[in-house]
Structure formats: C-alpha cells, structure tokens
PDB file of N, CA and C in Angstrom:
ATOM      1  N   MET A   1      80.694  41.012 145.696  1.00  0.00           N
ATOM      2  CA  MET A   1      81.457  40.740 144.870  1.00  0.00           C
ATOM      3  C   MET A   1      80.560  41.439 143.605  1.00  0.00           C
ATOM      4  N   TYR A   2      81.268  42.466 143.083  1.00  0.00           N
ATOM      5  CA  TYR A   2      80.716  43.306 141.588  1.00  0.00           C
ATOM      6  C   TYR A   2      81.078  42.423 140.527  1.00  0.00           C
ATOM      7  N   LEU A   3      79.605  42.712 139.332  1.00  0.00           N
ATOM      8  CA  LEU A   3      79.975  42.006 138.180  1.00  0.00           C
ATOM      9  C   LEU A   3      80.374  43.332 137.318  1.00  0.00           C
ATOM     10  N   ILE A   4      81.210  43.154 136.419  1.00  0.00           N
ATOM     11  CA  ILE A   4      81.769  44.310 135.466  1.00  0.00           C
ATOM     12  C   ILE A   4      81.467  43.593 134.451  1.00  0.00           C
ATOM     13  N   LEU A   5      80.539  44.149 133.335  1.00  0.00           N
ATOM     14  CA  LEU A   5      80.384  44.069 132.052  1.00  0.00           C
ATOM     15  C   LEU A   5      81.780  44.147 131.004  1.00  0.00           C
ATOM     16  N   VAL A   6      82.007  43.477 129.851  1.00  0.00           N
ATOM     17  CA  VAL A   6      83.002  43.845 129.414  1.00  0.00           C
ATOM     18  C   VAL A   6      82.810  45.019 128.530  1.00  0.00           C
ATOM     19  N   SER A   7      81.407  45.445 128.179  1.00  0.00           N
ATOM     20  CA  SER A   7      81.247  46.271 127.433  1.00  0.00           C
ATOM     21  C   SER A   7      81.463  47.726 128.307  1.00  0.00           C
ATOM     22  N   GLU A   8      81.261  47.756 129.420  1.00  0.00           N
ATOM     23  CA  GLU A   8      81.519  48.813 130.114  1.00  0.00           C
ATOM     24  C   GLU A   8      82.854  48.668 130.467  1.00  0.00           C
ATOM     25  N   ILE A   9      83.735  48.169 130.331  1.00  0.00           N
ATOM     26  CA  ILE A   9      85.465  48.059 130.277  1.00  0.00           C
ATOM     27  C   ILE A   9      85.922  48.629 129.422  1.00  0.00           C
ATOM     28  N   LYS A  10      84.975  48.178 127.969  1.00  0.00           N
ATOM     29  CA  LYS A  10      85.764  48.658 127.082  1.00  0.00           C
ATOM     30  C   LYS A  10      85.330  50.607 126.348  1.00  0.00           C
ATOM     31  N   THR A  11      83.980  50.732 127.292  1.00  0.00           N
ATOM     32  CA  THR A  11      83.704  51.948 127.298  1.00  0.00           C
ATOM     33  C   THR A  11      84.986  52.915 128.140  1.00  0.00           C
ATOM     34  N   PHE A  12      85.158  52.294 129.402  1.00  0.00           N
ATOM     35  CA  PHE A  12      85.816  53.032 130.268  1.00  0.00           C
ATOM     36  C   PHE A  12      87.297  53.289 129.712  1.00  0.00           C
ATOM     37  N   ILE A  13      87.569  52.381 128.829  1.00  0.00           N
ATOM     38  CA  ILE A  13      89.140  52.139 128.225  1.00  0.00           C
ATOM     39  C   ILE A  13      89.173  52.997 126.869  1.00  0.00           C
ATOM     40  N   LEU A  14      87.771  53.207 126.177  1.00  0.00           N
ATOM     41  CA  LEU A  14      88.004  54.258 125.190  1.00  0.00           C
ATOM     42  C   LEU A  14      88.074  55.542 125.671  1.00  0.00           C
ATOM     43  N   LYS A  15      87.232  55.693 126.918  1.00  0.00           N
ATOM     44  CA  LYS A  15      87.274  57.399 127.432  1.00  0.00           C
ATOM     45  C   LYS A  15      88.664  57.717 127.590  1.00  0.00           C
ATOM     46  N   TYR A  16      89.130  56.604 128.538  1.00  0.00           N
ATOM     47  CA  TYR A  16      90.605  56.825 128.940  1.00  0.00           C
ATOM     48  C   TYR A  16      91.907  57.026 127.909  1.00  0.00           C
ATOM     49  N   GLU A  17      91.504  56.122 126.871  1.00  0.00           N
ATOM     50  CA  GLU A  17      92.474  56.819 125.842  1.00  0.00           C
ATOM     51  C   GLU A  17      92.292  57.841 125.268  1.00  0.00           C
ATOM     52  N   LYS A  18      91.044  58.557 125.373  1.00  0.00           N
ATOM     53  CA  LYS A  18      90.708  59.898 124.568  1.00  0.00           C
ATOM     54  C   LYS A  18      91.159  61.010 125.354  1.00  0.00           C
ATOM     55  N   ILE A  19      91.106  60.513 126.630  1.00  0.00           N
ATOM     56  CA  ILE A  19      91.807  61.568 127.638  1.00  0.00           C
ATOM     57  C   ILE A  19      93.426  61.709 127.729  1.00  0.00           C
ATOM     58  N   CYS A  20      93.622  60.321 127.377  1.00  0.00           N
ATOM     59  CA  CYS A  20      95.445  60.533 127.038  1.00  0.00           C
ATOM     60  C   CYS A  20      95.784  60.956 125.812  1.00  0.00           C
ATOM     61  N   ASN A  21      95.039  60.440 125.165  1.00  0.00           N
ATOM     62  CA  ASN A  21      95.454  61.454 123.675  1.00  0.00           C
ATOM     63  C   ASN A  21      95.417  63.130 123.629  1.00  0.00           C
ATOM     64  N   LEU A  22      94.348  63.472 124.437  1.00  0.00           N
ATOM     65  CA  LEU A  22      94.076  65.130 124.710  1.00  0.00           C
ATOM     66  C   LEU A  22      95.465  65.724 125.613  1.00  0.00           C
ATOM     67  N   ILE A  23      95.738  64.903 126.533  1.00  0.00           N
ATOM     68  CA  ILE A  23      97.156  65.115 127.352  1.00  0.00           C
ATOM     69  C   ILE A  23      98.084  65.382 126.229  1.00  0.00           C
ATOM     70  N   TYR A  24      98.399  64.296 125.502  1.00  0.00           N
ATOM     71  CA  TYR A  24      99.534  64.452 124.601  1.00  0.00           C
ATOM     72  C   TYR A  24      99.312  65.301 123.597  1.00  0.00           C
ATOM     73  N   PHE A  25      98.124  65.535 123.019  1.00  0.00           N
ATOM     74  CA  PHE A  25      97.827  66.952 121.903  1.00  0.00           C
ATOM     75  C   PHE A  25      98.477  68.052 122.613  1.00  0.00           C
ATOM     76  N   PHE A  26      97.820  68.064 124.146  1.00  0.00           N
ATOM     77  CA  PHE A  26      98.195  69.542 124.475  1.00  0.00           C
ATOM     78  C   PHE A  26      99.653  69.587 124.964  1.00  0.00           C
ATOM     79  N   ARG A  27     100.232  68.446 125.575  1.00  0.00           N
ATOM     80  CA  ARG A  27     101.972  68.652 125.354  1.00  0.00           C
ATOM     81  C   ARG A  27     102.601  69.205 124.096  1.00  0.00           C
ATOM     82  N   TYR A  28     102.155  68.132 123.015  1.00  0.00           N
ATOM     83  CA  TYR A  28     102.813  68.349 122.007  1.00  0.00           C
ATOM     84  C   TYR A  28     102.618  69.815 121.072  1.00  0.00           C
ATOM     85  N   PHE A  29     101.702  70.601 121.302  1.00  0.00           N
ATOM     86  CA  PHE A  29     101.508  71.627 121.001  1.00  0.00           C
ATOM     87  C   PHE A  29     102.056  72.623 121.782  1.00  0.00           C
ATOM     88  N   TYR A  30     101.977  72.615 123.030  1.00  0.00           N
ATOM     89  CA  TYR A  30     102.959  73.657 123.889  1.00  0.00           C
ATOM     90  C   TYR A  30     104.283  73.370 123.902  1.00  0.00           C
ATOM     91  N   LEU A  31     105.069  71.981 123.638  1.00  0.00           N
ATOM     92  CA  LEU A  31     106.070  71.682 123.297  1.00  0.00           C
ATOM     93  C   LEU A  31     106.392  72.762 122.222  1.00  0.00           C
ATOM     94  N   ILE A  32     105.614  72.643 120.816  1.00  0.00           N
ATOM     95  CA  ILE A  32     106.138  73.349 119.944  1.00  0.00           C
ATOM     96  C   ILE A  32     105.921  75.163 119.895  1.00  0.00           C
ATOM     97  N   VAL A  33     105.087  75.512 120.631  1.00  0.00           N
ATOM     98  CA  VAL A  33     104.760  76.418 121.142  1.00  0.00           C
ATOM     99  C   VAL A  33     106.036  77.086 121.902  1.00  0.00           C
ATOM    100  N   PHE A  34     106.708  76.523 123.062  1.00  0.00           N
ATOM    101  CA  PHE A  34     107.590  76.740 123.958  1.00  0.00           C
ATOM    102  C   PHE A  34     109.185  76.899 122.699  1.00  0.00           C
ATOM    103  N   ALA A  35     109.148  76.239 122.114  1.00  0.00           N
ATOM    104  CA  ALA A  35     110.241  76.043 120.932  1.00  0.00           C
ATOM    105  C   ALA A  35     109.945  77.629 120.024  1.00  0.00           C
ATOM    106  N   MET A  36     109.051  77.993 119.828  1.00  0.00           N
ATOM    107  CA  MET A  36     108.545  79.326 119.062  1.00  0.00           C
ATOM    108  C   MET A  36     109.122  80.240 119.841  1.00  0.00           C
ATOM    109  N   TYR A  37     108.772  80.348 120.929  1.00  0.00           N
ATOM    110  CA  TYR A  37     108.990  81.097 122.418  1.00  0.00           C
ATOM    111  C   TYR A  37     110.446  81.478 122.639  1.00  0.00           C
ATOM    112  N   ILE A  38     111.336  80.273 122.384  1.00  0.00           N
ATOM    113  CA  ILE A  38     112.728  80.502 122.782  1.00  0.00           C
ATOM    114  C   ILE A  38     113.324  80.807 121.620  1.00  0.00           C
ATOM    115  N   ARG A  39     113.063  80.768 120.424  1.00  0.00           N
ATOM    116  CA  ARG A  39     113.549  81.031 119.204  1.00  0.00           C
ATOM    117  C   ARG A  39     113.398  82.721 118.908  1.00  0.00           C
ATOM    118  N   GLU A  40     111.963  83.287 119.443  1.00  0.00           N
ATOM    119  CA  GLU A  40     112.043  84.684 119.421  1.00  0.00           C
ATOM    120  C   GLU A  40     112.306  85.269 120.581  1.00  0.00           C
ATOM    121  N   VAL A  41     112.562  84.885 121.835  1.00  0.00           N
ATOM    122  CA  VAL A  41     112.414  85.644 123.051  1.00  0.00           C
ATOM    123  C   VAL A  41     114.132  85.077 123.285  1.00  0.00           C
ATOM    124  N   GLY A  42     114.534  84.115 123.119  1.00  0.00           N
ATOM    125  CA  GLY A  42     116.021  83.597 123.578  1.00  0.00           C
ATOM    126  C   GLY A  42     117.367  84.891 123.102  1.00  0.00           C
ATOM    127  N   PRO A  43     117.091  85.248 121.707  1.00  0.00           N
ATOM    128  CA  PRO A  43     118.400  85.465 121.409  1.00  0.00           C
ATOM    129  C   PRO A  43     117.900  87.269 122.313  1.00  0.00           C
ATOM    130  N   LYS A  44     116.915  87.735 123.031  1.00  0.00           N
ATOM    131  CA  LYS A  44     116.878  89.045 123.558  1.00  0.00           C
ATOM    132  C   LYS A  44     117.030  88.583 125.282  1.00  0.00           C
ATOM    133  N   ASP A  45     117.775  87.630 125.560  1.00  0.00           N
ATOM    134  CA  ASP A  45     118.324  87.622 126.823  1.00  0.00           C
ATOM    135  C   ASP A  45     117.012  87.009 127.538  1.00  0.00           C
ATOM    136  N   TYR A  46     115.906  86.497 127.053  1.00  0.00           N
ATOM    137  CA  TYR A  46     114.417  85.888 127.638  1.00  0.00           C
ATOM    138  C   TYR A  46     114.263  87.465 128.610  1.00  0.00           C
ATOM    139  N   ASN A  47     113.893  88.337 127.739  1.00  0.00           N
ATOM    140  CA  ASN A  47     113.307  89.635 128.768  1.00  0.00           C
ATOM    141  C   ASN A  47     111.996  89.448 129.066  1.00  0.00           C
ATOM    142  N   GLN A  48     111.080  88.322 128.607  1.00  0.00           N
ATOM    143  CA  GLN A  48     109.815  87.951 129.091  1.00  0.00           C
ATOM    144  C   GLN A  48     109.830  86.761 129.546  1.00  0.00           C
ATOM    145  N   THR A  49     108.562  86.563 130.145  1.00  0.00           N
ATOM    146  CA  THR A  49     108.637  85.063 130.777  1.00  0.00           C
ATOM    147  C   THR A  49     107.439  84.423 129.496  1.00  0.00           C
ATOM    148  N   PHE A  50     107.311  83.123 129.749  1.00  0.00           N
ATOM    149  CA  PHE A  50     106.441  82.263 128.578  1.00  0.00           C
ATOM    150  C   PHE A  50     105.197  82.768 128.736  1.00  0.00           C
ATOM    151  N   LYS A  51     104.492  83.081 130.220  1.00  0.00           N
ATOM    152  CA  LYS A  51     103.191  83.671 130.187  1.00  0.00           C
ATOM    153  C   LYS A  51     103.129  84.946 129.508  1.00  0.00           C
ATOM    154  N   GLN A  52     103.979  85.544 129.926  1.00  0.00           N
ATOM    155  CA  GLN A  52     103.775  86.908 128.849  1.00  0.00           C
ATOM    156  C   GLN A  52     103.644  86.851 127.581  1.00  0.00           C
ATOM    157  N   TRP A  53     104.692  86.134 127.002  1.00  0.00           N
ATOM    158  CA  TRP A  53     104.610  85.888 125.767  1.00  0.00           C
ATOM    159  C   TRP A  53     103.265  85.250 125.200  1.00  0.00           C
ATOM    160  N   MET A  54     102.864  83.993 125.791  1.00  0.00           N
ATOM    161  CA  MET A  54     101.845  83.739 125.613  1.00  0.00           C
ATOM    162  C   MET A  54     100.313  84.445 125.667  1.00  0.00           C
ATOM    163  N   ASP A  55     100.237  85.526 126.708  1.00  0.00           N
ATOM    164  CA  ASP A  55      99.623  86.115 126.716  1.00  0.00           C
ATOM    165  C   ASP A  55      99.469  87.285 125.134  1.00  0.00           C
ATOM    166  N   GLU A  56     100.516  87.761 125.026  1.00  0.00           N
ATOM    167  CA  GLU A  56     101.124  88.077 123.339  1.00  0.00           C
ATOM    168  C   GLU A  56     100.610  87.322 122.297  1.00  0.00           C
ATOM    169  N   HIS A  57     100.505  86.283 122.388  1.00  0.00           N
ATOM    170  CA  HIS A  57     100.141  85.617 121.630  1.00  0.00           C
ATOM    171  C   HIS A  57      98.721  84.819 121.712  1.00  0.00           C
ATOM    172  N   ALA A  58      97.765  85.548 122.041  1.00  0.00           N
ATOM    173  CA  ALA A  58      96.461  85.156 122.373  1.00  0.00           C
ATOM    174  C   ALA A  58      95.879  83.830 121.578  1.00  0.00           C
ATOM    175  N   SER A  59      96.455  84.095 120.006  1.00  0.00           N
ATOM    176  CA  SER A  59      95.667  83.333 119.052  1.00  0.00           C
ATOM    177  C   SER A  59      96.033  82.029 119.459  1.00  0.00           C
ATOM    178  N   LEU A  60      97.043  81.466 119.991  1.00  0.00           N
ATOM    179  CA  LEU A  60      97.749  80.511 120.116  1.00  0.00           C
ATOM    180  C   LEU A  60      96.785  79.325 121.021  1.00  0.00           C
ATOM    181  N   ARG A  61      96.257  80.139 121.867  1.00  0.00           N
ATOM    182  CA  ARG A  61      95.361  79.403 122.837  1.00  0.00           C
ATOM    183  C   ARG A  61      93.952  79.232 122.120  1.00  0.00           C
ATOM    184  N   GLU A  62      93.633  79.820 121.557  1.00  0.00           N
ATOM    185  CA  GLU A  62      92.215  80.063 120.415  1.00  0.00           C
ATOM    186  C   GLU A  62      92.635  78.536 119.516  1.00  0.00           C
ATOM    187  N   MET A  63      93.746  78.435 119.158  1.00  0.00           N
ATOM    188  CA  MET A  63      94.243  77.884 118.188  1.00  0.00           C
ATOM    189  C   MET A  63      93.627  76.085 118.591  1.00  0.00           C
ATOM    190  N   ILE A  64      94.704  76.122 119.716  1.00  0.00           N
ATOM    191  CA  ILE A  64      94.476  74.882 120.681  1.00  0.00           C
ATOM    192  C   ILE A  64      92.848  74.323 120.951  1.00  0.00           C
ATOM    193  N   ALA A  65      91.958  75.120 121.225  1.00  0.00           N
ATOM    194  CA  ALA A  65      90.779  74.964 121.516  1.00  0.00           C
ATOM    195  C   ALA A  65      90.021  74.622 120.290  1.00  0.00           C
ATOM    196  N   GLU A  66      90.093  75.368 119.087  1.00  0.00           N
ATOM    197  CA  GLU A  66      89.724  74.798 117.950  1.00  0.00           C
ATOM    198  C   GLU A  66      90.023  73.374 117.559  1.00  0.00           C
ATOM    199  N   GLY A  67      91.473  73.234 117.569  1.00  0.00           N
ATOM    200  CA  GLY A  67      91.997  72.373 117.620  1.00  0.00           C
ATOM    201  C   GLY A  67      91.516  70.792 118.118  1.00  0.00           C
ATOM    202  N   ARG A  68      91.183  71.066 119.034  1.00  0.00           N
ATOM    203  CA  ARG A  68      91.045  69.860 120.044  1.00  0.00           C
ATOM    204  C   ARG A  68      89.811  69.437 119.601  1.00  0.00           C
ATOM    205  N   SER A  69      88.794  70.444 119.274  1.00  0.00           N
ATOM    206  CA  SER A  69      87.450  69.972 118.867  1.00  0.00           C
ATOM    207  C   SER A  69      87.657  69.191 117.465  1.00  0.00           C
ATOM    208  N   LYS A  70      88.579  69.630 116.825  1.00  0.00           N
ATOM    209  CA  LYS A  70      88.744  68.781 115.311  1.00  0.00           C
ATOM    210  C   LYS A  70      89.265  67.326 115.215  1.00  0.00           C
ATOM    211  N   ILE A  71      89.668  66.726 116.341  1.00  0.00           N
ATOM    212  CA  ILE A  71      90.514  65.321 116.326  1.00  0.00           C
ATOM    213  C   ILE A  71      89.560  64.437 115.890  1.00  0.00           C
ATOM    214  N   GLU A  72      90.239  64.038 115.224  1.00  0.00           N
ATOM    215  CA  GLU A  72      89.491  62.514 114.718  1.00  0.00           C
ATOM    216  C   GLU A  72      89.793  61.244 115.429  1.00  0.00           C
ATOM    217  N   TRP A  73      89.043  61.026 116.173  1.00  0.00           N
ATOM    218  CA  TRP A  73      89.385  60.032 117.024  1.00  0.00           C
ATOM    219  C   TRP A  73      89.411  58.307 116.648  1.00  0.00           C
ATOM    220  N   GLU A  74      88.590  58.442 115.726  1.00  0.00           N
ATOM    221  CA  GLU A  74      88.675  57.176 114.767  1.00  0.00           C
ATOM    222  C   GLU A  74      88.461  57.454 112.914  1.00  0.00           C
ATOM    223  N   ARG A  75      89.085  56.871 112.702  1.00  0.00           N
ATOM    224  CA  ARG A  75      89.055  57.277 111.111  1.00  0.00           C
ATOM    225  C   ARG A  75      88.731  55.687 110.152  1.00  0.00           C
ATOM    226  N   LYS A  76      87.696  55.661 109.616  1.00  0.00           N
ATOM    227  CA  LYS A  76      87.162  54.510 108.644  1.00  0.00           C
ATOM    228  C   LYS A  76      87.854  54.478 107.327  1.00  0.00           C
ATOM    229  N   ILE A  77      88.549  53.236 107.358  1.00  0.00           N
ATOM    230  CA  ILE A  77      88.914  52.861 106.157  1.00  0.00           C
ATOM    231  C   ILE A  77      88.151  52.525 104.870  1.00  0.00           C
ATOM    232  N   PRO A  78      88.307  53.150 103.983  1.00  0.00           N
ATOM    233  CA  PRO A  78      87.285  53.216 102.493  1.00  0.00           C
ATOM    234  C   PRO A  78      87.490  51.653 102.402  1.00  0.00           C
ATOM    235  N   ASP A  79      85.940  51.034 102.153  1.00  0.00           N
ATOM    236  CA  ASP A  79      85.944  49.676 101.808  1.00  0.00           C
ATOM    237  C   ASP A  79      86.873  48.825 100.907  1.00  0.00           C
ATOM    238  N   GLU A  80      86.777  49.718  99.669  1.00  0.00           N
ATOM    239  CA  GLU A  80      87.817  49.226  98.474  1.00  0.00           C
ATOM    240  C   GLU A  80      88.997  49.063  99.255  1.00  0.00           C
ATOM    241  N   LYS A  81      89.969  50.077  99.947  1.00  0.00           N
ATOM    242  CA  LYS A  81      91.136  50.085 100.493  1.00  0.00           C
ATOM    243  C   LYS A  81      91.165  48.821 101.202  1.00  0.00           C
ATOM    244  N   LEU A  82      90.042  48.771 102.081  1.00  0.00           N
ATOM    245  CA  LEU A  82      89.853  47.659 103.007  1.00  0.00           C
ATOM    246  C   LEU A  82      90.220  45.975 102.095  1.00  0.00           C
ATOM    247  N   MET A  83      89.151  45.815 101.126  1.00  0.00           N
ATOM    248  CA  MET A  83      89.015  44.614 100.227  1.00  0.00           C
ATOM    249  C   MET A  83      90.610  44.241 100.104  1.00  0.00           C
ATOM    250  N   ASP A  84      91.425  45.365  99.141  1.00  0.00           N
ATOM    251  CA  ASP A  84      92.763  45.326  98.916  1.00  0.00           C
ATOM    252  C   ASP A  84      93.695  44.853  99.740  1.00  0.00           C
ATOM    253  N   LEU A  85      93.513  45.191 100.800  1.00  0.00           N
ATOM    254  CA  LEU A  85      94.392  44.874 102.601  1.00  0.00           C
ATOM    255  C   LEU A  85      94.001  43.645 102.989  1.00  0.00           C
ATOM    256  N   LYS A  86      93.051  43.247 102.458  1.00  0.00           N
ATOM    257  CA  LYS A  86      92.637  41.787 102.712  1.00  0.00           C
ATOM    258  C   LYS A  86      93.098  40.635 101.979  1.00  0.00           C
ATOM    259  N   THR A  87      93.035  41.079 100.692  1.00  0.00           N
ATOM    260  CA  THR A  87      93.445  40.472  99.616  1.00  0.00           C
ATOM    261  C   THR A  87      95.043  40.383  99.839  1.00  0.00           C
ATOM    262  N   GLN A  88      95.808  41.204  99.849  1.00  0.00           N
ATOM    263  CA  GLN A  88      97.378  41.529 100.062  1.00  0.00           C
ATOM    264  C   GLN A  88      97.705  40.508 101.331  1.00  0.00           C
ATOM    265  N   LEU A  89      96.929  40.520 102.351  1.00  0.00           N
ATOM    266  CA  LEU A  89      97.346  39.985 103.466  1.00  0.00           C
ATOM    267  C   LEU A  89      96.899  38.503 103.234  1.00  0.00           C
ATOM    268  N   ASP A  90      96.050  38.010 102.651  1.00  0.00           N
ATOM    269  CA  ASP A  90      95.538  36.589 102.452  1.00  0.00           C
ATOM    270  C   ASP A  90      96.570  35.859 101.075  1.00  0.00           C
ATOM    271  N   CYS A  91      97.734  35.901 101.727  1.00  0.00           N
ATOM    272  CA  CYS A  91      98.771  35.268 100.541  1.00  0.00           C
ATOM    273  C   CYS A  91      99.650  34.226 101.229  1.00  0.00           C
ATOM    274  N   ALA A  92     100.380  33.568 100.599  1.00  0.00           N
ATOM    275  CA  ALA A  92     101.420  32.489 101.105  1.00  0.00           C
ATOM    276  C   ALA A  92     102.808  33.459 101.761  1.00  0.00           C
ATOM    277  N   GLU A  93     102.991  34.757 101.027  1.00  0.00           N
ATOM    278  CA  GLU A  93     104.231  35.477 101.157  1.00  0.00           C
ATOM    279  C   GLU A  93     103.393  36.708 102.348  1.00  0.00           C
ATOM    280  N   PHE A  94     103.198  36.556 102.904  1.00  0.00           N
ATOM    281  CA  PHE A  94     102.432  37.452 104.270  1.00  0.00           C
ATOM    282  C   PHE A  94     103.810  38.504 104.487  1.00  0.00           C
ATOM    283  N   LYS A  95     105.065  37.811 105.227  1.00  0.00           N
ATOM    284  CA  LYS A  95     105.897  38.844 105.272  1.00  0.00           C
ATOM    285  C   LYS A  95     106.564  39.531 104.394  1.00  0.00           C
ATOM    286  N   THR A  96     106.425  39.065 103.104  1.00  0.00           N
ATOM    287  CA  THR A  96     107.096  39.971 102.181  1.00  0.00           C
ATOM    288  C   THR A  96     106.022  41.004 101.382  1.00  0.00           C
ATOM    289  N   ASN A  97     104.744  40.676 102.064  1.00  0.00           N
ATOM    290  CA  ASN A  97     103.867  41.612 101.581  1.00  0.00           C
ATOM    291  C   ASN A  97     103.698  43.076 102.425  1.00  0.00           C
ATOM    292  N   LEU A  98     104.033  42.635 103.642  1.00  0.00           N
ATOM    293  CA  LEU A  98     103.709  43.362 104.721  1.00  0.00           C
ATOM    294  C   LEU A  98     104.109  44.820 104.707  1.00  0.00           C
ATOM    295  N   PRO A  99     105.653  45.165 104.352  1.00  0.00           N
ATOM    296  CA  PRO A  99     105.806  46.148 103.907  1.00  0.00           C
ATOM    297  C   PRO A  99     105.352  46.987 103.080  1.00  0.00           C
ATOM    298  N   LYS A 100     104.821  46.181 101.634  1.00  0.00           N
ATOM    299  CA  LYS A 100     103.868  46.923 100.779  1.00  0.00           C
ATOM    300  C   LYS A 100     102.734  47.410 101.301  1.00  0.00           C
ATOM    301  N   VAL A 101     102.336  46.508 102.128  1.00  0.00           N
ATOM    302  CA  VAL A 101     100.797  46.735 103.166  1.00  0.00           C
ATOM    303  C   VAL A 101     100.692  47.970 103.380  1.00  0.00           C
ATOM    304  N   HIS A 102     101.706  47.601 104.522  1.00  0.00           N
ATOM    305  CA  HIS A 102     101.447  48.444 105.659  1.00  0.00           C
ATOM    306  C   HIS A 102     101.668  50.456 105.219  1.00  0.00           C
ATOM    307  N   TYR A 103     102.887  50.284 104.403  1.00  0.00           N
ATOM    308  CA  TYR A 103     102.676  51.861 104.158  1.00  0.00           C
ATOM    309  C   TYR A 103     102.021  52.797 103.605  1.00  0.00           C
ATOM    310  N   PRO A 104     101.149  52.297 102.426  1.00  0.00           N
ATOM    311  CA  PRO A 104     100.098  52.683 101.652  1.00  0.00           C
ATOM    312  C   PRO A 104      98.672  53.117 102.770  1.00  0.00           C
ATOM    313  N   PHE A 105      98.715  51.989 103.458  1.00  0.00           N
ATOM    314  CA  PHE A 105      97.465  52.199 104.433  1.00  0.00           C
ATOM    315  C   PHE A 105      97.516  53.392 105.530  1.00  0.00           C
ATOM    316  N   ILE A 106      98.909  53.380 106.160  1.00  0.00           N
ATOM    317  CA  ILE A 106      98.951  54.473 107.176  1.00  0.00           C
ATOM    318  C   ILE A 106      99.059  55.587 106.722  1.00  0.00           C
ATOM    319  N   PHE A 107      99.972  55.804 105.450  1.00  0.00           N
ATOM    320  CA  PHE A 107     100.024  57.339 104.956  1.00  0.00           C
ATOM    321  C   PHE A 107      99.214  57.688 103.992  1.00  0.00           C
ATOM    322  N   LYS A 108      99.006  57.227 103.232  1.00  0.00           N
ATOM    323  CA  LYS A 108      97.819  57.721 101.879  1.00  0.00           C
ATOM    324  C   LYS A 108      96.300  57.624 102.149  1.00  0.00           C
ATOM    325  N   LEU A 109      95.747  57.387 103.573  1.00  0.00           N
ATOM    326  CA  LEU A 109      94.412  57.552 103.537  1.00  0.00           C
ATOM    327  C   LEU A 109      93.862  58.779 103.308  1.00  0.00           C
ATOM    328  N   PRO A 110      92.693  59.104 103.064  1.00  0.00           N
ATOM    329  CA  PRO A 110      92.099  60.556 102.462  1.00  0.00           C
ATOM    330  C   PRO A 110      92.016  61.058 103.772  1.00  0.00           C
TER     331      PRO A 110
END
C-alpha cells in the first residue's frame, strides 16, 4: 500500500490547476484571434486559411508566448484590505454585507 502525503497531493493539484489554466489561456487567446481572422478574411470569401493568416500575423504568436510568462498565478490581498474584509464579515448581518464585500475585493485590487 502506498502512503501519499497531503502536501504531495496539494502540490499535484496546484500543478494540475496551472496546466489547466494555461490551456484555458491558450483557448481564449486563439478564440479572440480566430474572431479577428473571421472579421478580416470573411468578407473576402475566406481566400486564405487561418494558418496562412497566422503566419502573416506572427506577432500574435509572440504575444501569447510573452503573455504566458506574465500570468499571475496567485495574488496577495493587501493587509489593510484583508483586515477590512475580516471586520465586514464579522458582523451579525453577514448576508446583507456580502454584496458590499464581494465586489470591491474582486474588481478593485491593484
């Protein structure tokens, strides 16, 4: 019987999540690029393939390579905002405060 440590499982899960996020990043990027291809080449009756179009726009491939290295896997919440969050959640009206708490912390981080 194998003994698997919890820390090894957590490490595996984190690596798996990063790989999945990279795959989603690539899919999202290529979805946007494909939409650009359709808007540009579509009115011309698709006179060139997507691969040919990508070869002409090689800078897009460089953009994804650069962007991949700049992905922030984890973001630290500033201590002062974290303290504000804890005080807002430590109240009797937790459910009424939740919308006020959720929005600023998700969308207004530096």
